[in-house]
N, C-alpha and C. Protein backbone atom coordinates (compact mmCIF):
# COMPACT_ATOMS: atom_id res chain seq x y z
N MET A 1 27.96 0.44 -3.49
CA MET A 1 26.55 0.51 -3.95
C MET A 1 26.51 1.10 -5.43
N THR A 2 25.77 0.32 -6.33
CA THR A 2 25.83 0.77 -7.97
C THR A 2 24.69 1.49 -8.00
N HIS A 3 24.61 2.28 -8.91
CA HIS A 3 23.43 3.05 -9.51
C HIS A 3 22.84 2.64 -10.73
N ASN A 4 21.72 2.43 -10.95
CA ASN A 4 21.05 2.35 -12.12
C ASN A 4 19.98 3.01 -12.61
N PHE A 5 18.87 2.70 -13.11
CA PHE A 5 17.82 3.45 -13.61
C PHE A 5 17.68 4.69 -12.70
N ALA A 6 17.58 5.81 -13.46
CA ALA A 6 17.32 7.16 -13.18
C ALA A 6 18.17 7.59 -11.89
N GLY A 7 19.26 7.10 -11.76
CA GLY A 7 20.29 7.38 -10.82
C GLY A 7 19.92 6.69 -9.34
N LEU A 8 18.86 5.93 -9.18
CA LEU A 8 18.65 5.03 -8.05
C LEU A 8 19.47 3.84 -7.84
N SER A 9 19.74 3.77 -6.52
CA SER A 9 20.80 2.60 -6.21
C SER A 9 20.00 1.30 -6.28
N THR A 10 20.54 0.03 -6.39
CA THR A 10 20.20 -1.16 -6.66
C THR A 10 19.12 -1.47 -5.34
N GLU A 11 19.81 -1.04 -4.34
CA GLU A 11 18.98 -1.33 -2.94
C GLU A 11 17.56 -0.62 -3.03
N THR A 12 17.68 0.64 -3.70
CA THR A 12 16.19 1.24 -3.65
C THR A 12 15.29 0.59 -4.42
N LEU A 13 15.87 0.16 -5.84
CA LEU A 13 15.21 -0.50 -6.77
C LEU A 13 14.63 -1.53 -6.35
N ARG A 14 15.44 -2.42 -5.64
CA ARG A 14 14.71 -3.88 -4.97
C ARG A 14 13.75 -3.12 -3.89
N ASP A 15 13.74 -2.42 -3.17
CA ASP A 15 12.97 -1.83 -2.28
C ASP A 15 11.29 -1.58 -2.88
N MET A 16 11.72 -0.92 -4.06
CA MET A 16 10.57 -0.36 -4.90
C MET A 16 9.96 -1.65 -5.33
N LEU A 17 10.50 -2.49 -5.74
CA LEU A 17 10.02 -3.72 -6.26
C LEU A 17 9.04 -4.59 -5.43
N TYR A 18 9.89 -4.63 -4.12
CA TYR A 18 9.18 -5.40 -2.97
C TYR A 18 7.99 -4.80 -2.65
N LYS A 19 8.00 -3.36 -2.65
CA LYS A 19 6.54 -2.87 -2.13
C LYS A 19 5.50 -3.04 -3.26
N MET A 20 5.95 -2.99 -4.42
CA MET A 20 4.96 -3.28 -5.44
C MET A 20 4.48 -4.41 -5.32
N TYR A 21 5.12 -5.59 -4.88
CA TYR A 21 4.53 -6.82 -4.77
C TYR A 21 4.01 -6.96 -3.50
N LEU A 22 4.18 -6.13 -2.42
CA LEU A 22 3.50 -6.20 -1.28
C LEU A 22 2.01 -5.61 -1.17
N ILE A 23 2.24 -4.34 -2.42
CA ILE A 23 0.73 -3.84 -2.44
C ILE A 23 -0.22 -4.82 -3.20
N ARG A 24 0.25 -5.42 -4.29
CA ARG A 24 -0.42 -6.39 -5.11
C ARG A 24 -1.13 -7.50 -4.21
N ILE A 25 -0.08 -8.07 -3.26
CA ILE A 25 -0.65 -9.04 -2.58
C ILE A 25 -1.63 -8.57 -1.57
N PHE A 26 -1.47 -7.43 -0.99
CA PHE A 26 -2.45 -6.91 0.00
C PHE A 26 -3.88 -6.71 -0.76
N GLU A 27 -3.81 -6.16 -1.77
CA GLU A 27 -4.82 -5.88 -2.58
C GLU A 27 -5.78 -7.11 -2.95
N GLU A 28 -5.00 -8.04 -3.43
CA GLU A 28 -5.59 -9.28 -3.82
C GLU A 28 -6.14 -10.05 -2.54
N SER A 29 -5.48 -9.98 -1.33
CA SER A 29 -6.08 -10.66 -0.07
C SER A 29 -7.30 -9.59 0.22
N ALA A 30 -7.28 -8.53 0.25
CA ALA A 30 -8.66 -7.57 0.61
C ALA A 30 -9.80 -7.91 -0.26
N GLU A 31 -9.35 -8.04 -1.84
CA GLU A 31 -10.73 -8.49 -2.48
C GLU A 31 -11.00 -9.97 -2.20
N GLN A 32 -10.22 -10.95 -1.81
CA GLN A 32 -10.87 -12.33 -1.37
C GLN A 32 -11.71 -12.08 -0.26
N LEU A 33 -11.01 -11.28 0.69
CA LEU A 33 -12.11 -11.13 2.04
C LEU A 33 -13.21 -10.42 1.57
N TYR A 34 -13.16 -9.56 0.85
CA TYR A 34 -14.33 -8.70 0.58
C TYR A 34 -15.36 -9.74 -0.22
N PHE A 35 -14.81 -10.57 -1.20
CA PHE A 35 -16.02 -11.51 -1.75
C PHE A 35 -16.35 -12.56 -0.92
N GLN A 36 -15.75 -12.91 0.22
CA GLN A 36 -16.05 -13.75 1.22
C GLN A 36 -17.12 -13.19 2.29
N GLY A 37 -17.31 -11.85 2.09
CA GLY A 37 -18.45 -11.21 3.11
C GLY A 37 -17.74 -10.79 4.25
N MET A 38 -16.43 -10.86 4.33
CA MET A 38 -15.75 -10.27 5.60
C MET A 38 -15.60 -8.94 5.74
N MET A 39 -15.87 -8.15 4.70
CA MET A 39 -15.68 -6.63 4.87
C MET A 39 -17.03 -6.14 4.41
N HIS A 40 -17.45 -4.77 5.28
CA HIS A 40 -18.61 -4.27 4.94
C HIS A 40 -18.23 -3.07 3.99
N GLY A 41 -19.14 -2.54 3.17
CA GLY A 41 -19.19 -1.39 2.51
C GLY A 41 -18.75 -1.84 0.98
N THR A 42 -17.84 -0.88 0.44
CA THR A 42 -17.22 -0.95 -0.71
C THR A 42 -15.72 -1.37 -0.90
N MET A 43 -15.45 -1.66 -1.99
CA MET A 43 -13.99 -1.82 -2.05
C MET A 43 -13.55 -1.50 -3.59
N HIS A 44 -12.58 -0.54 -3.34
CA HIS A 44 -12.02 0.07 -4.63
C HIS A 44 -10.45 -0.21 -4.58
N LEU A 45 -10.14 -1.13 -5.39
CA LEU A 45 -8.73 -1.70 -5.17
C LEU A 45 -8.02 -0.87 -6.26
N SER A 46 -6.44 -1.06 -6.02
CA SER A 46 -5.63 -0.23 -6.64
C SER A 46 -4.82 -1.23 -7.41
N ILE A 47 -5.27 -2.30 -7.76
CA ILE A 47 -4.62 -3.39 -8.64
C ILE A 47 -4.17 -2.76 -9.85
N GLY A 48 -3.04 -2.97 -10.30
CA GLY A 48 -2.44 -2.49 -11.62
C GLY A 48 -1.76 -0.95 -11.39
N GLN A 49 -1.86 -0.64 -10.27
CA GLN A 49 -1.50 1.05 -9.85
C GLN A 49 -0.42 1.08 -8.99
N GLU A 50 0.31 -0.19 -8.77
CA GLU A 50 1.25 -0.28 -7.72
C GLU A 50 2.50 0.70 -7.92
N GLY A 51 2.91 0.62 -9.45
CA GLY A 51 3.99 1.23 -9.87
C GLY A 51 3.93 2.78 -9.63
N SER A 52 2.88 3.37 -9.77
CA SER A 52 2.63 4.82 -9.58
C SER A 52 2.64 5.23 -8.20
N ALA A 53 1.97 4.40 -7.25
CA ALA A 53 1.94 4.42 -5.84
C ALA A 53 3.59 4.69 -5.24
N VAL A 54 4.25 3.59 -5.75
CA VAL A 54 5.59 3.28 -5.30
C VAL A 54 6.55 4.56 -5.99
N GLY A 55 6.34 4.55 -7.05
CA GLY A 55 7.13 5.65 -7.67
C GLY A 55 6.89 7.14 -7.09
N SER A 56 5.56 7.50 -6.89
CA SER A 56 5.44 8.73 -6.20
C SER A 56 5.92 9.08 -5.00
N ILE A 57 5.83 7.81 -4.10
CA ILE A 57 5.98 7.86 -2.70
C ILE A 57 7.47 7.99 -2.50
N THR A 58 8.40 7.34 -3.49
CA THR A 58 9.72 7.07 -3.34
C THR A 58 10.18 8.60 -3.69
N ALA A 59 9.58 9.45 -4.25
CA ALA A 59 10.13 10.90 -4.52
C ALA A 59 10.01 11.69 -3.16
N LEU A 60 9.18 11.33 -2.27
CA LEU A 60 8.99 12.05 -1.24
C LEU A 60 10.06 12.12 -0.14
N ARG A 61 10.11 12.88 0.75
CA ARG A 61 10.95 12.93 2.00
C ARG A 61 10.07 12.16 3.01
N ASN A 62 10.69 11.64 4.02
CA ASN A 62 10.17 10.76 5.44
C ASN A 62 9.29 11.67 5.91
N ASP A 63 9.57 13.06 6.15
CA ASP A 63 8.47 13.67 6.82
C ASP A 63 7.24 14.33 6.04
N ASP A 64 7.26 14.01 4.65
CA ASP A 64 6.14 14.33 3.71
C ASP A 64 4.98 13.69 4.28
N TYR A 65 3.66 14.47 4.12
CA TYR A 65 2.49 13.79 4.35
C TYR A 65 1.69 13.50 3.01
N ILE A 66 1.11 12.58 3.02
CA ILE A 66 0.15 12.01 1.76
C ILE A 66 -1.20 12.15 2.06
N PHE A 67 -2.12 12.20 1.18
CA PHE A 67 -3.51 12.54 1.43
C PHE A 67 -4.11 11.75 0.19
N SER A 68 -5.12 10.70 0.35
CA SER A 68 -5.77 10.21 -0.80
C SER A 68 -7.27 10.06 -0.51
N THR A 69 -7.89 10.27 -1.48
CA THR A 69 -9.34 10.20 -1.47
C THR A 69 -10.13 8.84 -2.17
N HIS A 70 -9.06 8.20 -2.96
CA HIS A 70 -9.70 7.22 -3.65
C HIS A 70 -8.50 6.14 -4.13
N ARG A 71 -8.56 4.90 -3.67
CA ARG A 71 -7.66 3.90 -4.19
C ARG A 71 -6.39 4.15 -3.54
N GLY A 72 -6.23 4.57 -2.21
CA GLY A 72 -4.96 5.24 -1.75
C GLY A 72 -4.18 3.85 -0.96
N HIS A 73 -4.79 2.64 -0.79
CA HIS A 73 -4.24 1.63 -0.29
C HIS A 73 -2.61 1.59 -0.49
N GLY A 74 -2.31 1.63 -1.79
CA GLY A 74 -0.84 1.21 -2.23
C GLY A 74 0.02 2.39 -1.74
N HIS A 75 -0.55 3.59 -1.86
CA HIS A 75 0.12 4.74 -1.30
C HIS A 75 0.54 4.55 -0.09
N CYS A 76 -0.21 3.97 0.76
CA CYS A 76 -0.08 4.14 2.21
C CYS A 76 1.03 3.04 2.45
N ILE A 77 0.66 1.86 1.91
CA ILE A 77 1.94 0.86 1.85
C ILE A 77 3.17 1.29 1.42
N ALA A 78 2.96 1.99 0.37
CA ALA A 78 4.50 2.27 0.00
C ALA A 78 5.11 3.59 0.99
N LYS A 79 4.55 4.16 1.71
CA LYS A 79 4.69 5.19 2.48
C LYS A 79 5.23 4.51 3.89
N GLY A 80 4.78 3.31 4.03
CA GLY A 80 5.34 2.54 5.35
C GLY A 80 4.19 1.94 6.05
N ALA A 81 3.04 2.21 5.93
CA ALA A 81 1.97 1.74 6.64
C ALA A 81 1.95 0.16 6.56
N LYS A 82 1.81 -0.37 7.84
CA LYS A 82 1.75 -2.08 7.84
C LYS A 82 0.52 -2.58 7.39
N PRO A 83 0.82 -3.55 6.40
CA PRO A 83 -0.30 -4.26 5.88
C PRO A 83 -1.39 -4.90 6.97
N GLY A 84 -0.83 -5.42 7.94
CA GLY A 84 -1.68 -5.98 8.96
C GLY A 84 -2.49 -5.13 9.71
N GLY A 85 -2.09 -3.69 9.97
CA GLY A 85 -3.07 -2.72 10.48
C GLY A 85 -4.16 -2.27 9.53
N MET A 86 -3.60 -2.14 8.40
CA MET A 86 -4.78 -1.76 7.30
C MET A 86 -5.79 -2.84 7.15
N MET A 87 -5.42 -4.03 7.09
CA MET A 87 -6.42 -5.14 6.85
C MET A 87 -7.12 -5.34 8.27
N ALA A 88 -6.75 -5.08 9.32
CA ALA A 88 -7.78 -5.06 10.42
C ALA A 88 -8.70 -3.85 10.42
N GLU A 89 -8.22 -2.68 10.01
CA GLU A 89 -8.99 -1.53 9.78
C GLU A 89 -10.16 -1.94 8.64
N PHE A 90 -9.93 -2.63 7.68
CA PHE A 90 -10.98 -2.95 6.88
C PHE A 90 -12.00 -4.02 7.22
N MET A 91 -11.72 -4.72 8.20
CA MET A 91 -12.51 -5.67 8.85
C MET A 91 -13.06 -5.23 10.01
N GLY A 92 -12.78 -3.88 10.49
CA GLY A 92 -13.66 -3.30 11.66
C GLY A 92 -12.98 -3.82 13.01
N LYS A 93 -11.79 -4.21 12.98
CA LYS A 93 -11.25 -4.73 14.12
C LYS A 93 -10.61 -3.55 14.95
N GLU A 94 -10.48 -3.61 16.30
CA GLU A 94 -9.99 -2.58 17.13
C GLU A 94 -8.47 -2.43 16.84
N SER A 95 -7.90 -3.65 16.40
CA SER A 95 -6.42 -3.47 16.12
C SER A 95 -6.19 -2.70 14.84
N GLY A 96 -7.00 -2.45 14.11
CA GLY A 96 -7.02 -1.76 12.99
C GLY A 96 -6.15 -0.21 13.01
N ASP A 97 -5.63 0.45 12.06
CA ASP A 97 -4.93 1.58 12.31
C ASP A 97 -5.87 2.72 12.69
N CYS A 98 -7.06 2.67 12.53
CA CYS A 98 -7.94 3.64 13.14
C CYS A 98 -9.07 3.06 13.98
N ARG A 99 -8.70 1.79 14.68
CA ARG A 99 -9.42 1.07 15.74
C ARG A 99 -10.78 0.60 15.05
N GLY A 100 -10.67 0.33 13.70
CA GLY A 100 -11.80 -0.41 13.13
C GLY A 100 -12.78 0.72 12.89
N ARG A 101 -12.61 1.92 12.74
CA ARG A 101 -13.81 2.79 12.50
C ARG A 101 -13.59 3.11 10.98
């Protein structure tokens, strides 16, 4: 294992980059569904904030909790939430993380 930027391993840096891409893809997909009328309410995307979400979550322990009141999708994904469950929640489906509520 080699160490790079800020003492983080190459594996950790690759994981961080993967999560940033995953967040961006999720946000762009949510935006498309919203504009197609498949989601109710409003949408506050975190496009452009992927790095701050991944960076802050990377500094936490696995048993740390997070709380967000605005534009928290990226933080949830960075912490390990599954995009499918989050998207189902946005669409009001029973398979969503909070059963579509």
